[in-house]
Amino acid sequence: MSLVRYQPWGLMRSLHEDLDRLFEQRMGMDETAGSVANWVPPVDIREEENRFLLHADIPGVKPEDIEVTMENGVLTISGTRASEKSEDENGYRRVERITGRFFRRFTLPDTADAEGINAKSHDGVLEVIIPKHERVMPRRISVEVN
């Protein structure tokens, strides 16, 4: 007799992948036609007592080419890294950096304050500061005796 490990989310993951394939086939998409981005910037997210900090590595992207939006609890970071024109020297050329559109989305918790979000770019790192709502302190209710 062999033991089978119970994985409750395995079935959901499989169903999700099957639905993705079904919709791609019905819409006539192949893997490249359906892609929204050419590259995905790496991101670090840290939670502090009164805010969330998000750092995204986007070297070579000008701040005016970055778009940060917040809608329905979803933070979206997108933009474009332009390709640099380079001259061939003696027939040799090497291009390793990916250019084109990038796109990331994050679902924020209910504690995030969408109105206070700040973003700034410095030395190729985008920093997004997401403040938290002030906590509502619990109130003790006294029980009266009749």
Protein backbone atom coordinates (compact mmCIF):
# COMPACT_ATOMS: atom_id res chain seq x y z
CA MET A 1 0.00 0.00 0.00
CA SER A 2 1.37 3.43 -0.89
CA LEU A 3 0.70 6.67 0.90
CA VAL A 4 -0.65 9.59 -1.07
CA ARG A 5 0.00 13.05 0.28
CA TYR A 6 -3.13 15.21 0.48
CA GLN A 7 -2.62 18.51 -1.35
CA PRO A 8 -5.85 20.51 -1.26
CA TRP A 9 -4.57 23.35 -3.44
CA GLY A 10 -3.09 21.08 -6.09
CA LEU A 11 -6.49 20.51 -7.66
CA MET A 12 -7.25 24.26 -7.69
CA ARG A 13 -3.86 25.04 -9.27
CA SER A 14 -4.46 22.42 -11.94
CA LEU A 15 -7.95 23.78 -12.66
CA HIS A 16 -6.55 27.32 -12.91
CA GLU A 17 -3.87 26.23 -15.40
CA ASP A 18 -6.45 24.34 -17.49
CA LEU A 19 -8.74 27.38 -17.60
CA ASP A 20 -5.84 29.61 -18.65
CA ARG A 21 -4.99 27.25 -21.51
CA LEU A 22 -8.64 27.05 -22.56
CA PHE A 23 -9.05 30.83 -22.74
CA GLU A 24 -5.76 31.26 -24.60
CA GLN A 25 -6.85 28.71 -27.20
CA ARG A 26 -10.34 30.19 -27.61
CA MET A 27 -8.96 33.69 -28.09
CA GLY A 28 -6.35 32.49 -30.57
CA MET A 29 -3.44 33.57 -28.41
CA ASP A 30 -0.08 31.97 -28.31
CA GLU A 31 2.35 32.43 -25.43
CA THR A 32 4.00 35.56 -26.84
CA ALA A 33 0.85 37.29 -28.08
CA GLY A 34 -0.78 37.17 -24.65
CA SER A 35 2.14 38.60 -22.74
CA VAL A 36 1.74 42.06 -21.27
CA ALA A 37 5.40 42.60 -20.40
CA ASN A 38 8.80 41.90 -21.89
CA TRP A 39 10.43 41.67 -18.46
CA VAL A 40 9.52 41.63 -14.78
CA PRO A 41 11.49 43.71 -12.28
CA PRO A 42 12.46 41.98 -9.02
CA VAL A 43 10.66 43.40 -5.99
CA ASP A 44 11.24 43.39 -2.21
CA ILE A 45 8.25 44.11 0.06
CA ARG A 46 8.65 44.85 3.75
CA GLU A 47 5.95 45.47 6.33
CA GLU A 48 6.69 47.91 9.11
CA GLU A 49 4.52 49.01 12.02
CA ASN A 50 2.88 51.91 10.20
CA ARG A 51 3.62 51.27 6.50
CA PHE A 52 4.56 48.86 3.74
CA LEU A 53 7.75 49.47 1.71
CA LEU A 54 8.12 48.17 -1.82
CA HIS A 55 11.47 48.36 -3.63
CA ALA A 56 11.65 47.44 -7.32
CA ASP A 57 14.90 47.20 -9.29
CA ILE A 58 14.38 49.07 -12.56
CA PRO A 59 17.81 50.27 -13.69
CA GLY A 60 17.92 52.33 -16.84
CA VAL A 61 14.28 53.42 -16.59
CA LYS A 62 13.63 57.15 -16.38
CA PRO A 63 11.13 58.22 -13.67
CA GLU A 64 8.86 59.73 -16.35
CA ASP A 65 8.64 56.27 -17.98
CA ILE A 66 7.27 54.65 -14.78
CA GLU A 67 3.57 54.51 -13.96
CA VAL A 68 2.29 53.62 -10.48
CA THR A 69 -1.48 53.27 -10.08
CA MET A 70 -3.84 52.07 -7.38
CA GLU A 71 -7.33 50.79 -8.19
CA ASN A 72 -9.69 48.56 -6.22
CA GLY A 73 -6.98 47.49 -3.77
CA VAL A 74 -4.51 46.56 -6.52
CA LEU A 75 -1.21 48.43 -6.88
CA THR A 76 0.16 48.36 -10.44
CA ILE A 77 3.72 49.27 -11.45
CA SER A 78 4.40 49.48 -15.17
CA GLY A 79 6.64 51.27 -17.60
CA THR A 80 9.14 50.96 -20.40
CA ARG A 81 12.91 50.63 -20.60
CA ALA A 82 14.02 52.04 -23.94
CA SER A 83 16.64 50.20 -25.95
CA GLU A 84 19.95 51.93 -26.38
CA LYS A 85 21.35 52.38 -29.83
CA SER A 86 24.81 50.93 -30.13
CA GLU A 87 27.35 50.79 -32.89
CA ASP A 88 28.76 47.48 -34.06
CA GLU A 89 32.51 47.38 -33.57
CA ASN A 90 34.35 44.97 -35.85
CA GLY A 91 31.19 42.91 -36.23
CA TYR A 92 30.90 42.12 -32.52
CA ARG A 93 27.85 43.04 -30.53
CA ARG A 94 26.42 41.73 -27.28
CA VAL A 95 23.09 42.76 -25.76
CA GLU A 96 22.05 41.10 -22.50
CA ARG A 97 19.77 43.66 -20.86
CA ILE A 98 16.10 43.22 -21.63
CA THR A 99 14.28 46.25 -22.96
CA GLY A 100 10.61 46.97 -23.48
CA ARG A 101 7.57 47.01 -21.20
CA PHE A 102 7.49 45.81 -17.61
CA PHE A 103 4.44 45.16 -15.47
CA ARG A 104 3.79 44.08 -11.85
CA ARG A 105 0.55 43.95 -9.82
CA PHE A 106 0.09 43.55 -6.07
CA THR A 107 -3.11 43.10 -4.07
CA LEU A 108 -2.87 45.25 -0.97
CA PRO A 109 -4.40 44.37 2.39
CA ASP A 110 -7.34 46.31 3.81
CA THR A 111 -4.97 48.09 6.22
CA ALA A 112 -3.25 49.94 3.34
CA ASP A 113 -4.12 53.63 2.91
CA ALA A 114 -4.55 54.10 -0.86
CA GLU A 115 -4.74 57.90 -0.57
CA GLY A 116 -1.29 58.24 1.02
CA ILE A 117 0.81 56.17 -1.40
CA ASN A 118 4.11 57.79 -2.41
CA ALA A 119 6.63 56.70 -5.06
CA LYS A 120 10.15 57.88 -5.83
CA SER A 121 13.00 56.63 -7.96
CA HIS A 122 16.68 56.84 -7.04
CA ASP A 123 19.71 55.06 -8.57
CA GLY A 124 17.57 52.58 -10.51
CA VAL A 125 15.42 51.57 -7.52
CA LEU A 126 11.75 52.51 -7.33
CA GLU A 127 10.54 52.94 -3.76
CA VAL A 128 6.80 52.85 -3.12
CA ILE A 129 5.67 53.81 0.39
CA ILE A 130 2.21 52.56 1.32
CA PRO A 131 1.03 53.89 4.68
CA LYS A 132 -1.34 51.92 6.87
CA HIS A 133 -4.64 53.23 8.22
CA GLU A 134 -4.55 54.20 11.85
CA ARG A 135 -5.65 51.31 13.95
CA VAL A 136 -8.91 51.51 15.76
CA MET A 137 -8.20 50.66 19.37
CA PRO A 138 -10.47 48.08 20.96
CA ARG A 139 -12.93 49.48 23.45
CA ARG A 140 -13.67 47.71 26.69
CA ILE A 141 -17.37 47.40 27.42
CA SER A 142 -18.34 47.04 31.05
CA VAL A 143 -21.02 44.60 32.04
CA GLU A 144 -23.64 46.03 34.36
CA VAL A 145 -25.36 44.13 37.12
CA ASN A 146 -29.16 44.45 37.35
